[in-house]
Amino acid sequence: MSSEDPKQIAYETESLRKIAFFGIAVSTIATLTAIVAVPMLYNYMQHVQSSLQSEVEFCAHRSNGLWDEYQRFQGVSGVAGRIKREAYHRSVGGVHRASKGACDHCPPPRTAPGY
């Protein structure tokens, strides 16, 4: 390098100085961004997690309330469990019954006034 032109050495030095300055500037900006962004991101994620936790607790409370209501209704109605429907309750043994009291345990259908 000593045999090279001093103007060429000065030009290379200046270009390397610009590249070094640009690299330092980019790394400084990245570091400052990370220092600010990581805590903000953590705070946001904590906020979202606590919001979701409260939503899950609300849903669990509502579903428990529905189960309690179902149990209470089951006790009031006196039904031990879900009663399976009869698939062909209107035509038993090939004979089509009338719609009033179609089977022994079914009440007559309700009709609105004016029918």
C-alpha atoms as a PDB file:
ATOM      1  CA  MET A   1       0.000   0.000   0.000  1.00  0.00           C
ATOM      2  CA  SER A   2       2.900   2.353   0.454  1.00  0.00           C
ATOM      3  CA  SER A   3       3.473   2.493  -3.293  1.00  0.00           C
ATOM      4  CA  GLU A   4      -0.050   3.675  -3.949  1.00  0.00           C
ATOM      5  CA  ASP A   5      -1.079   7.227  -4.616  1.00  0.00           C
ATOM      6  CA  PRO A   6      -1.817   9.291  -1.456  1.00  0.00           C
ATOM      7  CA  LYS A   7      -5.046  10.569  -3.048  1.00  0.00           C
ATOM      8  CA  GLN A   8      -6.232   6.957  -3.537  1.00  0.00           C
ATOM      9  CA  ILE A   9      -5.431   6.142   0.103  1.00  0.00           C
ATOM     10  CA  ALA A  10      -7.313   9.258   1.271  1.00  0.00           C
ATOM     11  CA  TYR A  11     -10.336   8.303  -0.864  1.00  0.00           C
ATOM     12  CA  GLU A  12     -10.384   4.721   0.532  1.00  0.00           C
ATOM     13  CA  THR A  13     -10.022   6.036   4.063  1.00  0.00           C
ATOM     14  CA  GLU A  14     -12.926   8.418   3.597  1.00  0.00           C
ATOM     15  CA  SER A  15     -15.180   5.718   2.090  1.00  0.00           C
ATOM     16  CA  LEU A  16     -14.347   3.283   4.925  1.00  0.00           C
ATOM     17  CA  ARG A  17     -15.046   6.038   7.453  1.00  0.00           C
ATOM     18  CA  LYS A  18     -18.517   6.576   5.914  1.00  0.00           C
ATOM     19  CA  ILE A  19     -19.244   2.841   5.967  1.00  0.00           C
ATOM     20  CA  ALA A  20     -18.110   2.582   9.595  1.00  0.00           C
ATOM     21  CA  PHE A  21     -20.228   5.595  10.588  1.00  0.00           C
ATOM     22  CA  PHE A  22     -23.273   4.088   8.843  1.00  0.00           C
ATOM     23  CA  GLY A  23     -22.716   0.717  10.578  1.00  0.00           C
ATOM     24  CA  ILE A  24     -22.395   2.352  13.993  1.00  0.00           C
ATOM     25  CA  ALA A  25     -25.503   4.462  13.372  1.00  0.00           C
ATOM     26  CA  VAL A  26     -27.571   1.428  12.347  1.00  0.00           C
ATOM     27  CA  SER A  27     -26.408  -0.636  15.328  1.00  0.00           C
ATOM     28  CA  THR A  28     -27.118   2.271  17.722  1.00  0.00           C
ATOM     29  CA  ILE A  29     -30.622   2.721  16.338  1.00  0.00           C
ATOM     30  CA  ALA A  30     -31.253  -1.036  16.540  1.00  0.00           C
ATOM     31  CA  THR A  31     -30.051  -1.152  20.151  1.00  0.00           C
ATOM     32  CA  LEU A  32     -32.191   1.810  21.210  1.00  0.00           C
ATOM     33  CA  THR A  33     -35.188   0.350  19.416  1.00  0.00           C
ATOM     34  CA  ALA A  34     -34.695  -2.962  21.195  1.00  0.00           C
ATOM     35  CA  ILE A  35     -34.349  -1.202  24.557  1.00  0.00           C
ATOM     36  CA  VAL A  36     -37.680   0.566  24.001  1.00  0.00           C
ATOM     37  CA  ALA A  37     -39.611  -2.058  21.987  1.00  0.00           C
ATOM     38  CA  VAL A  38     -38.976  -5.158  24.101  1.00  0.00           C
ATOM     39  CA  PRO A  39     -40.497  -3.735  27.309  1.00  0.00           C
ATOM     40  CA  MET A  40     -43.412  -2.283  25.354  1.00  0.00           C
ATOM     41  CA  LEU A  41     -44.043  -5.642  23.680  1.00  0.00           C
ATOM     42  CA  TYR A  42     -43.827  -7.425  27.036  1.00  0.00           C
ATOM     43  CA  ASN A  43     -46.296  -4.972  28.571  1.00  0.00           C
ATOM     44  CA  TYR A  44     -48.718  -5.435  25.671  1.00  0.00           C
ATOM     45  CA  MET A  45     -48.494  -9.231  25.858  1.00  0.00           C
ATOM     46  CA  GLN A  46     -49.122  -9.110  29.601  1.00  0.00           C
ATOM     47  CA  HIS A  47     -52.177  -6.913  29.007  1.00  0.00           C
ATOM     48  CA  VAL A  48     -53.543  -9.303  26.369  1.00  0.00           C
ATOM     49  CA  GLN A  49     -52.929 -12.301  28.639  1.00  0.00           C
ATOM     50  CA  SER A  50     -54.732 -10.706  31.584  1.00  0.00           C
ATOM     51  CA  SER A  51     -57.657  -9.708  29.328  1.00  0.00           C
ATOM     52  CA  LEU A  52     -57.943 -13.236  27.991  1.00  0.00           C
ATOM     53  CA  GLN A  53     -57.711 -14.648  31.508  1.00  0.00           C
ATOM     54  CA  SER A  54     -60.630 -12.499  32.640  1.00  0.00           C
ATOM     55  CA  GLU A  55     -62.631 -13.564  29.572  1.00  0.00           C
ATOM     56  CA  VAL A  56     -61.942 -17.235  30.321  1.00  0.00           C
ATOM     57  CA  GLU A  57     -63.006 -16.767  33.949  1.00  0.00           C
ATOM     58  CA  PHE A  58     -66.203 -15.045  32.778  1.00  0.00           C
ATOM     59  CA  CYS A  59     -67.002 -17.892  30.364  1.00  0.00           C
ATOM     60  CA  ALA A  60     -66.306 -20.513  33.038  1.00  0.00           C
ATOM     61  CA  HIS A  61     -68.590 -18.669  35.455  1.00  0.00           C
ATOM     62  CA  ARG A  62     -71.362 -18.461  32.842  1.00  0.00           C
ATOM     63  CA  SER A  63     -71.073 -22.144  31.920  1.00  0.00           C
ATOM     64  CA  ASN A  64     -71.142 -23.148  35.597  1.00  0.00           C
ATOM     65  CA  GLY A  65     -74.251 -20.999  36.000  1.00  0.00           C
ATOM     66  CA  LEU A  66     -75.863 -22.739  33.038  1.00  0.00           C
ATOM     67  CA  TRP A  67     -75.038 -26.155  34.484  1.00  0.00           C
ATOM     68  CA  ASP A  68     -76.523 -25.113  37.835  1.00  0.00           C
ATOM     69  CA  GLU A  69     -79.650 -23.882  36.055  1.00  0.00           C
ATOM     70  CA  TYR A  70     -79.889 -27.162  34.161  1.00  0.00           C
ATOM     71  CA  GLN A  71     -79.523 -29.169  37.384  1.00  0.00           C
ATOM     72  CA  ARG A  72     -82.170 -27.025  39.098  1.00  0.00           C
ATOM     73  CA  PHE A  73     -84.544 -27.434  36.151  1.00  0.00           C
ATOM     74  CA  GLN A  74     -83.935 -31.162  36.150  1.00  0.00           C
ATOM     75  CA  GLY A  75     -84.842 -31.322  39.845  1.00  0.00           C
ATOM     76  CA  VAL A  76     -87.990 -29.225  39.386  1.00  0.00           C
ATOM     77  CA  SER A  77     -89.261 -31.151  36.370  1.00  0.00           C
ATOM     78  CA  GLY A  78     -88.637 -34.513  38.030  1.00  0.00           C
ATOM     79  CA  VAL A  79     -86.952 -35.945  34.954  1.00  0.00           C
ATOM     80  CA  ALA A  80     -83.919 -38.060  35.714  1.00  0.00           C
ATOM     81  CA  GLY A  81     -82.264 -37.367  32.396  1.00  0.00           C
ATOM     82  CA  ARG A  82     -82.911 -36.662  28.766  1.00  0.00           C
ATOM     83  CA  ILE A  83     -85.820 -38.625  27.337  1.00  0.00           C
ATOM     84  CA  LYS A  84     -85.223 -40.114  23.931  1.00  0.00           C
ATOM     85  CA  ARG A  85     -87.841 -39.260  21.314  1.00  0.00           C
ATOM     86  CA  GLU A  86     -89.839 -41.931  19.648  1.00  0.00           C
ATOM     87  CA  ALA A  87     -89.068 -41.902  15.959  1.00  0.00           C
ATOM     88  CA  TYR A  88     -92.493 -43.053  14.758  1.00  0.00           C
ATOM     89  CA  HIS A  89     -94.848 -42.008  17.530  1.00  0.00           C
ATOM     90  CA  ARG A  90     -97.778 -41.233  15.181  1.00  0.00           C
ATOM     91  CA  SER A  91     -97.910 -44.536  13.352  1.00  0.00           C
ATOM     92  CA  VAL A  92     -97.598 -47.453  15.738  1.00  0.00           C
ATOM     93  CA  GLY A  93     -98.200 -50.912  14.340  1.00  0.00           C
ATOM     94  CA  GLY A  94     -99.147 -49.574  10.926  1.00  0.00           C
ATOM     95  CA  VAL A  95    -102.153 -47.695  12.316  1.00  0.00           C
ATOM     96  CA  HIS A  96    -102.013 -43.923  12.039  1.00  0.00           C
ATOM     97  CA  ARG A  97    -103.284 -42.359  15.261  1.00  0.00           C
ATOM     98  CA  ALA A  98    -104.903 -38.991  15.558  1.00  0.00           C
ATOM     99  CA  SER A  99    -102.728 -36.087  16.561  1.00  0.00           C
ATOM    100  CA  LYS A 100    -104.503 -35.590  19.906  1.00  0.00           C
ATOM    101  CA  GLY A 101    -102.639 -37.668  22.438  1.00  0.00           C
ATOM    102  CA  ALA A 102    -100.717 -39.581  19.777  1.00  0.00           C
ATOM    103  CA  CYS A 103     -99.174 -41.867  22.357  1.00  0.00           C
ATOM    104  CA  ASP A 104    -100.017 -42.739  25.939  1.00  0.00           C
ATOM    105  CA  HIS A 105     -97.491 -40.467  27.607  1.00  0.00           C
ATOM    106  CA  CYS A 106     -97.819 -37.474  25.232  1.00  0.00           C
ATOM    107  CA  PRO A 107    -100.137 -34.580  26.079  1.00  0.00           C
ATOM    108  CA  PRO A 108    -102.448 -33.262  23.381  1.00  0.00           C
ATOM    109  CA  PRO A 109    -100.835 -30.588  21.188  1.00  0.00           C
ATOM    110  CA  ARG A 110    -101.514 -26.989  22.113  1.00  0.00           C
ATOM    111  CA  THR A 111    -103.252 -24.814  19.597  1.00  0.00           C
ATOM    112  CA  ALA A 112    -103.364 -21.079  19.503  1.00  0.00           C
ATOM    113  CA  PRO A 113    -106.737 -19.331  19.890  1.00  0.00           C
ATOM    114  CA  GLY A 114    -108.534 -18.971  16.590  1.00  0.00           C
ATOM    115  CA  TYR A 115    -107.332 -22.250  15.087  1.00  0.00           C
END
